[in-house]
């Protein structure tokens, strides 16, 4: 569960960086 949440967080962070 924790790893899945972290993976999702990193994925969303990458998207946020791409948007920037």
C-alpha atoms as a PDB file:
ATOM      1  CA  UNK A   1       0.000   0.000   0.000  1.00  0.00           C
ATOM      2  CA  UNK A   2       2.681   2.496   0.959  1.00  0.00           C
ATOM      3  CA  UNK A   3       4.802   1.728  -2.095  1.00  0.00           C
ATOM      4  CA  UNK A   4       1.767   2.106  -4.392  1.00  0.00           C
ATOM      5  CA  UNK A   5       0.982   5.497  -2.856  1.00  0.00           C
ATOM      6  CA  UNK A   6       4.605   6.590  -3.241  1.00  0.00           C
ATOM      7  CA  UNK A   7       4.684   5.413  -6.867  1.00  0.00           C
ATOM      8  CA  UNK A   8       1.503   7.368  -7.540  1.00  0.00           C
ATOM      9  CA  UNK A   9       2.982  10.428  -5.829  1.00  0.00           C
ATOM     10  CA  UNK A  10       6.146  10.276  -7.936  1.00  0.00           C
ATOM     11  CA  UNK A  11       4.073   9.823 -11.114  1.00  0.00           C
ATOM     12  CA  UNK A  12       1.920  12.866 -10.268  1.00  0.00           C
ATOM     13  CA  UNK A  13       5.066  14.837  -9.424  1.00  0.00           C
ATOM     14  CA  UNK A  14       6.541  13.999 -12.844  1.00  0.00           C
ATOM     15  CA  UNK A  15       3.333  15.198 -14.509  1.00  0.00           C
ATOM     16  CA  UNK A  16       3.411  18.403 -12.457  1.00  0.00           C
ATOM     17  CA  UNK A  17       7.021  19.028 -13.535  1.00  0.00           C
ATOM     18  CA  UNK A  18       6.074  18.419 -17.175  1.00  0.00           C
ATOM     19  CA  UNK A  19       3.218  20.946 -16.823  1.00  0.00           C
ATOM     20  CA  UNK A  20       5.662  23.491 -15.397  1.00  0.00           C
END
